[in-house]
Protein backbone atom coordinates (compact mmCIF):
# COMPACT_ATOMS: atom_id res chain seq x y z
CA GLU A 1 30.29 4.66 -22.41
CA VAL A 2 26.93 6.35 -22.98
CA GLN A 3 26.09 9.95 -22.10
CA GLU A 4 24.35 10.34 -18.74
CA VAL A 5 21.38 12.21 -20.26
CA LEU A 6 20.66 9.26 -22.55
CA ARG A 7 21.09 6.79 -19.66
CA LEU A 8 18.61 8.70 -17.51
CA LYS A 9 16.11 8.95 -20.35
CA HIS A 10 16.11 5.17 -20.71
CA ARG A 11 16.67 4.34 -17.04
CA TYR A 12 14.86 1.01 -17.28
CA LEU A 13 17.64 -0.21 -19.60
CA ASP A 14 20.35 1.25 -17.40
CA LEU A 15 19.08 -0.79 -14.45
CA ARG A 16 20.10 -3.96 -16.30
CA ARG A 17 23.78 -3.14 -15.82
CA PRO A 18 25.34 -5.60 -13.34
CA ARG A 19 26.46 -2.95 -10.83
CA LEU A 20 23.02 -1.32 -10.63
CA ALA A 21 21.24 -4.66 -10.60
CA GLN A 22 23.39 -5.77 -7.65
CA ASN A 23 22.47 -2.56 -5.81
CA LEU A 24 18.77 -3.30 -6.30
CA ILE A 25 19.20 -6.90 -5.14
CA LEU A 26 21.10 -5.79 -2.02
CA ARG A 27 18.51 -3.13 -1.20
CA SER A 28 15.71 -5.67 -1.57
CA LYS A 29 17.45 -8.17 0.71
CA VAL A 30 18.16 -5.56 3.40
CA ASN A 31 14.53 -4.40 3.34
CA LEU A 32 13.29 -7.98 3.53
CA LEU A 33 15.56 -8.83 6.46
CA SER A 34 14.64 -5.71 8.42
CA ARG A 35 10.91 -6.20 7.85
CA GLN A 36 11.17 -9.85 8.86
CA TYR A 37 13.13 -8.96 12.01
CA PHE A 38 10.55 -6.41 13.13
CA ALA A 39 7.63 -8.72 12.27
CA ASP A 40 9.22 -11.56 14.25
CA ASN A 41 9.53 -9.22 17.25
CA GLY A 42 5.89 -8.15 17.26
CA PHE A 43 6.12 -4.87 15.37
CA LEU A 44 3.44 -3.80 12.91
CA GLU A 45 4.10 -1.96 9.68
CA VAL A 46 1.71 0.98 9.45
CA GLU A 47 1.53 3.28 6.44
CA THR A 48 0.54 6.86 7.08
CA PRO A 49 -0.30 9.38 4.37
CA ILE A 50 2.03 12.27 3.63
CA LEU A 51 0.28 15.56 4.22
CA GLY A 52 1.38 18.64 2.31
CA ASN A 53 0.17 22.00 1.11
CA PRO A 54 -2.32 22.06 -1.77
CA THR A 55 -0.77 22.52 -5.21
CA PRO A 56 -1.85 25.40 -7.45
CA GLU A 57 -2.41 23.40 -10.67
CA GLY A 58 -6.13 23.05 -9.96
CA ALA A 59 -6.27 19.33 -9.24
CA ARG A 60 -8.86 18.26 -6.71
CA ASP A 61 -7.16 17.49 -3.44
CA TYR A 62 -8.50 15.46 -0.56
CA LEU A 63 -8.39 18.01 2.26
CA VAL A 64 -7.73 17.09 5.86
CA PRO A 65 -8.49 19.66 8.58
CA SER A 66 -5.59 20.61 10.82
CA ARG A 67 -6.09 19.98 14.53
CA VAL A 68 -3.14 22.19 15.43
CA HIS A 69 -4.19 25.19 13.31
CA PRO A 70 -8.00 25.51 13.29
CA GLY A 71 -9.35 26.73 9.95
CA SER A 72 -6.32 25.40 8.06
CA TYR A 73 -6.18 22.27 5.92
CA TYR A 74 -3.59 19.83 4.65
CA ALA A 75 -3.92 18.10 1.31
CA LEU A 76 -3.21 14.50 0.44
CA PRO A 77 -1.02 14.57 -2.69
CA GLN A 78 -2.60 13.59 -5.99
CA SER A 79 0.52 11.68 -6.99
CA PRO A 80 3.38 10.37 -4.87
CA GLN A 81 5.79 11.58 -7.54
CA GLN A 82 5.57 15.05 -5.99
CA PHE A 83 7.75 13.87 -3.13
CA LYS A 84 10.21 11.92 -5.29
CA GLN A 85 11.44 15.00 -7.14
């Protein structure tokens, strides 16, 4: 058995383990079935951006004016990883 810190550092190797691979396969199949069900029943899949507060690190954000709070802005994130943490 390998230490968890080492497993997380090399996560791409850890995903080859049968138990984790089966989890990924199951997740993929469930997503495929649900998307197919909704598509067959006339639903559309629409992606909407995640709006958040600007980050202080100085990166240029794409600002979107708020309709609810005049004079305020939301920022589209520079990287989706912000919301995965």
